[in-house]
Amino acid sequence: MQLYPAIDMKDGKCVRLTQGLFDDVKVYSDDPGEAAKTWVSQGADFLHLVDLDGALAGKSVNEPVIQRILEAVKVPVQVGGGIRSKETAERLLGLGVRRVIIGTRAVREPEFVKELLEIYGPEKIVVGVDARNGMVAVEGWEKVSQMTASCLCGKMKEYGVRHVVYTDISRDGMLSGPNVEATRKLTEETGMDIIASGGVSSIEDLQELFDQGVKGAIIGKALYEKRLDLREAVRRFQ
């Protein structure tokens, strides 16, 4: 199971939100590059970056911070938040980002994902499926669409998507445990690399995901709050 320490960026700082609420922000570091170096020094070999400002603005905002992280560490990174044009995806991939995550536009214009896959292939393009009560949310989780997470994943599989970041918004930043059942179900239904996001709070949570055959897990607040030892997690699950 691939582990992805998360670095969420807002106003150039490393932060965490609770349930995606932009008025509930906790700053953990003024320098996301230092956070990246910390996680890599503890065994991380892939990082998950989120441009929170970009998710709201609909365009990449924290590119200078992303560039500093890429210069600070030599492990692959995937980036989400505000990637809604071919030009933004191209620019980030050109900087050295390994994968870009498409969220809002995958829901509103699925053909956009198909076009990117044809250009860059399935190892560069990830779809972010963010669900509230099973329904996909868009625009920085501010709005809920009429599409179910299962339906979106099925459509993306038809296009050739291999990697999906699945977030249960109600669990995000809550340290209440991930939605193991929904993640397992999506993994079994699609056969895709479904990466669990939201709620991971302990080694036990990771063990449960691992036992259910989930292929990846994003770890955020549990690391910053020192609830989970990254070295031990890497040793046990990677």
Protein backbone atom coordinates (compact mmCIF):
# COMPACT_ATOMS: atom_id res chain seq x y z
CA MET A 1 0.00 0.00 0.00
CA GLN A 2 1.46 3.34 -1.05
CA LEU A 3 1.47 5.99 1.67
CA TYR A 4 1.18 9.68 0.80
CA PRO A 5 1.93 12.29 3.49
CA ALA A 6 -0.22 15.32 2.68
CA ILE A 7 0.93 18.92 2.43
CA ASP A 8 -2.05 21.26 2.10
CA MET A 9 -1.08 24.77 1.05
CA LYS A 10 -2.94 27.99 1.80
CA ASP A 11 -1.43 31.47 1.56
CA GLY A 12 1.95 29.79 1.03
CA LYS A 13 1.76 27.94 4.35
CA CYS A 14 1.25 24.31 5.32
CA VAL A 15 -2.21 23.98 6.87
CA ARG A 16 -5.03 21.55 7.59
CA LEU A 17 -8.74 22.19 7.24
CA THR A 18 -11.51 20.37 9.08
CA GLN A 19 -14.10 18.78 6.75
CA GLY A 20 -12.84 21.06 3.99
CA LEU A 21 -14.09 24.20 5.74
CA PHE A 22 -11.99 27.21 4.78
CA ASP A 23 -12.97 29.06 7.96
CA ASP A 24 -11.50 26.24 10.07
CA VAL A 25 -7.79 26.46 9.25
CA LYS A 26 -4.86 25.39 11.40
CA VAL A 27 -1.36 26.43 10.31
CA TYR A 28 1.31 23.81 10.96
CA SER A 29 4.27 25.37 9.17
CA ASP A 30 5.17 28.60 7.43
CA ASP A 31 7.39 26.61 5.09
CA PRO A 32 5.80 23.64 3.26
CA GLY A 33 9.25 22.76 1.90
CA GLU A 34 10.46 22.00 5.42
CA ALA A 35 7.40 19.82 6.02
CA ALA A 36 8.23 17.93 2.82
CA LYS A 37 11.80 17.35 3.98
CA THR A 38 10.56 16.11 7.36
CA TRP A 39 8.29 13.47 5.83
CA VAL A 40 10.91 12.33 3.34
CA SER A 41 13.48 12.01 6.15
CA GLN A 42 10.99 9.68 7.90
CA GLY A 43 10.65 7.40 4.89
CA ALA A 44 8.04 9.02 2.62
CA ASP A 45 8.69 8.19 -1.02
CA PHE A 46 5.65 9.96 -2.52
CA LEU A 47 3.98 13.21 -1.40
CA HIS A 48 0.43 14.49 -1.87
CA LEU A 49 0.17 18.26 -2.32
CA VAL A 50 -3.06 20.25 -2.33
CA ASP A 51 -3.34 23.86 -3.49
CA LEU A 52 -6.31 24.93 -1.36
CA ASP A 53 -6.28 28.47 -2.73
CA GLY A 54 -6.27 27.00 -6.22
CA ALA A 55 -9.25 24.78 -5.47
CA LEU A 56 -11.33 27.87 -4.64
CA ALA A 57 -9.89 30.13 -7.33
CA GLY A 58 -10.22 27.54 -10.10
CA LYS A 59 -6.59 27.98 -11.10
CA SER A 60 -3.19 27.12 -9.68
CA VAL A 61 -2.20 29.66 -6.98
CA ASN A 62 0.64 28.11 -4.99
CA GLU A 63 2.95 27.16 -7.87
CA PRO A 64 5.99 28.93 -6.36
CA VAL A 65 5.53 26.85 -3.18
CA ILE A 66 5.16 23.66 -5.23
CA GLN A 67 8.37 24.51 -7.06
CA ARG A 68 10.21 25.00 -3.75
CA ILE A 69 9.00 21.59 -2.56
CA LEU A 70 10.19 19.97 -5.79
CA GLU A 71 13.60 21.57 -5.25
CA ALA A 72 13.70 20.56 -1.58
CA VAL A 73 13.01 16.83 -2.01
CA LYS A 74 13.73 14.24 -4.67
CA VAL A 75 10.65 12.05 -4.35
CA PRO A 76 7.64 12.09 -6.69
CA VAL A 77 4.72 14.35 -5.83
CA GLN A 78 1.11 14.48 -6.93
CA VAL A 79 -0.73 17.81 -6.91
CA GLY A 80 -4.42 18.68 -6.74
CA GLY A 81 -6.40 21.89 -6.39
CA GLY A 82 -7.49 24.21 -9.18
CA ILE A 83 -6.19 22.14 -12.10
CA ARG A 84 -8.98 22.92 -14.55
CA SER A 85 -7.11 23.65 -17.79
CA LYS A 86 -4.71 21.79 -20.04
CA GLU A 87 -2.24 24.66 -19.65
CA THR A 88 -2.16 24.31 -15.84
CA ALA A 89 -1.66 20.55 -16.05
CA GLU A 90 1.09 21.00 -18.62
CA ARG A 91 2.85 23.65 -16.55
CA LEU A 92 2.82 21.57 -13.35
CA LEU A 93 4.01 18.43 -15.11
CA GLY A 94 6.70 20.55 -16.75
CA LEU A 95 7.89 21.68 -13.30
CA GLY A 96 8.50 18.06 -12.40
CA VAL A 97 5.21 17.10 -10.73
CA ARG A 98 4.70 13.33 -11.22
CA ARG A 99 0.88 13.34 -11.26
CA VAL A 100 -1.82 16.00 -11.46
CA ILE A 101 -5.21 15.43 -9.84
CA ILE A 102 -8.33 16.54 -11.70
CA GLY A 103 -11.42 17.06 -9.53
CA THR A 104 -14.08 19.62 -10.41
CA ARG A 105 -13.61 19.45 -14.18
CA ALA A 106 -13.74 15.64 -14.16
CA VAL A 107 -17.31 15.98 -12.89
CA ARG A 108 -18.39 18.88 -15.05
CA GLU A 109 -16.55 17.91 -18.23
CA PRO A 110 -15.37 14.28 -18.19
CA GLU A 111 -14.05 14.58 -21.76
CA PHE A 112 -11.34 16.88 -20.37
CA VAL A 113 -9.88 13.92 -18.47
CA LYS A 114 -10.04 11.79 -21.60
CA GLU A 115 -8.11 14.44 -23.52
CA LEU A 116 -5.40 14.67 -20.84
CA LEU A 117 -5.07 10.87 -20.73
CA GLU A 118 -4.50 10.79 -24.48
CA ILE A 119 -1.72 13.37 -24.14
CA TYR A 120 0.01 12.29 -20.91
CA GLY A 121 -1.13 8.74 -20.16
CA PRO A 122 -2.69 7.21 -17.03
CA GLU A 123 0.42 7.49 -14.84
CA LYS A 124 0.32 11.30 -14.99
CA ILE A 125 -3.42 11.96 -14.64
CA VAL A 126 -5.28 11.19 -11.39
CA VAL A 127 -8.95 11.87 -10.72
CA GLY A 128 -10.01 13.27 -7.36
CA VAL A 129 -13.37 11.95 -6.23
CA ASP A 130 -14.48 13.96 -3.21
CA ALA A 131 -17.79 12.79 -1.75
CA ARG A 132 -20.25 14.14 0.76
CA ASN A 133 -22.85 11.49 1.70
CA GLY A 134 -21.85 9.54 -1.40
CA MET A 135 -22.36 12.49 -3.79
CA VAL A 136 -19.40 14.14 -5.49
CA ALA A 137 -18.50 17.66 -4.32
CA VAL A 138 -16.75 20.27 -6.48
CA GLU A 139 -15.12 23.72 -6.34
CA GLY A 140 -13.09 23.18 -3.21
CA TRP A 141 -15.94 21.07 -1.77
CA GLU A 142 -18.14 24.15 -1.65
CA LYS A 143 -20.82 22.65 -3.94
CA VAL A 144 -22.30 19.15 -4.21
CA SER A 145 -23.05 17.69 -7.65
CA GLN A 146 -25.77 15.22 -8.67
CA MET A 147 -23.25 12.45 -9.43
CA THR A 148 -22.40 9.56 -7.11
CA ALA A 149 -18.79 8.66 -6.39
CA SER A 150 -19.38 5.18 -7.80
CA CYS A 151 -20.79 6.55 -11.06
CA LEU A 152 -17.87 8.96 -11.53
CA CYS A 153 -15.31 6.22 -10.88
CA GLY A 154 -17.02 3.94 -13.39
CA LYS A 155 -16.96 6.64 -16.06
CA MET A 156 -13.30 7.41 -15.38
CA LYS A 157 -12.38 3.73 -15.63
CA GLU A 158 -13.94 3.62 -19.10
CA TYR A 159 -11.61 6.44 -20.12
CA GLY A 160 -8.55 4.56 -18.84
CA VAL A 161 -7.96 6.28 -15.50
CA ARG A 162 -5.92 4.09 -13.14
CA HIS A 163 -5.47 6.26 -10.05
CA VAL A 164 -8.29 7.84 -8.02
CA VAL A 165 -7.98 9.82 -4.80
CA TYR A 166 -11.22 9.13 -2.92
CA THR A 167 -12.02 11.55 -0.10
CA ASP A 168 -14.91 11.22 2.31
CA ILE A 169 -15.31 14.89 3.19
CA SER A 170 -17.11 14.17 6.47
CA ARG A 171 -13.98 12.37 7.71
CA ASP A 172 -11.39 14.87 6.50
CA GLY A 173 -9.38 16.44 9.30
CA MET A 174 -11.56 14.74 11.92
CA LEU A 175 -9.16 11.94 12.95
CA SER A 176 -12.24 9.73 13.13
CA GLY A 177 -11.03 6.94 10.86
CA PRO A 178 -11.34 6.65 7.07
CA ASN A 179 -14.44 5.40 5.29
CA VAL A 180 -13.01 1.91 4.85
CA GLU A 181 -16.22 0.35 3.54
CA ALA A 182 -16.75 2.92 0.76
CA THR A 183 -13.07 2.76 -0.24
CA ARG A 184 -13.09 -1.04 -0.28
CA LYS A 185 -16.27 -1.08 -2.34
CA LEU A 186 -14.86 1.30 -4.94
CA THR A 187 -11.63 -0.74 -5.09
CA GLU A 188 -13.54 -3.98 -5.65
CA GLU A 189 -16.04 -2.48 -8.12
CA THR A 190 -13.46 -0.80 -10.32
CA GLY A 191 -10.19 -2.68 -9.85
CA MET A 192 -8.54 0.77 -9.88
CA ASP A 193 -5.88 2.17 -7.59
CA ILE A 194 -8.26 3.85 -5.12
CA ILE A 195 -6.28 6.03 -2.70
CA ALA A 196 -8.10 6.60 0.60
CA SER A 197 -8.15 10.16 1.86
CA GLY A 198 -9.76 11.68 4.94
CA GLY A 199 -9.86 10.52 8.53
CA VAL A 200 -6.72 8.38 8.89
CA SER A 201 -5.79 8.75 12.54
CA SER A 202 -3.69 5.73 13.51
CA ILE A 203 -1.67 2.70 12.46
CA GLU A 204 -4.84 0.68 13.10
CA ASP A 205 -6.72 2.70 10.47
CA LEU A 206 -3.99 1.96 7.95
CA GLN A 207 -4.05 -1.72 8.91
CA GLU A 208 -7.78 -1.85 8.22
CA LEU A 209 -7.35 -0.27 4.78
CA PHE A 210 -4.43 -2.60 4.03
CA ASP A 211 -6.44 -5.66 5.06
CA GLN A 212 -9.24 -4.63 2.69
CA GLY A 213 -6.89 -4.47 -0.29
CA VAL A 214 -6.87 -0.68 -0.61
CA LYS A 215 -3.90 0.39 -2.72
CA GLY A 216 -3.02 3.74 -1.17
CA ALA A 217 -3.67 6.08 1.76
CA ILE A 218 -3.14 9.78 2.28
CA ILE A 219 -2.10 10.79 5.79
CA GLY A 220 -2.50 14.37 6.93
CA LYS A 221 -3.52 15.63 10.33
CA ALA A 222 -2.47 12.41 12.11
CA LEU A 223 1.15 13.14 11.13
CA TYR A 224 1.05 16.81 12.08
CA GLU A 225 -0.62 16.01 15.41
CA LYS A 226 1.92 13.20 16.02
CA ARG A 227 -0.81 10.54 16.32
CA LEU A 228 0.96 8.27 13.85
CA ASP A 229 4.62 7.36 13.34
CA LEU A 230 5.43 7.58 9.63
CA ARG A 231 8.54 5.40 9.91
CA GLU A 232 6.53 2.56 11.42
CA ALA A 233 3.74 2.97 8.85
CA VAL A 234 6.21 2.79 5.95
CA ARG A 235 7.90 -0.27 7.46
CA ARG A 236 4.60 -2.10 7.93
CA PHE A 237 2.62 -1.27 4.82
CA GLN A 238 4.94 -0.35 1.95
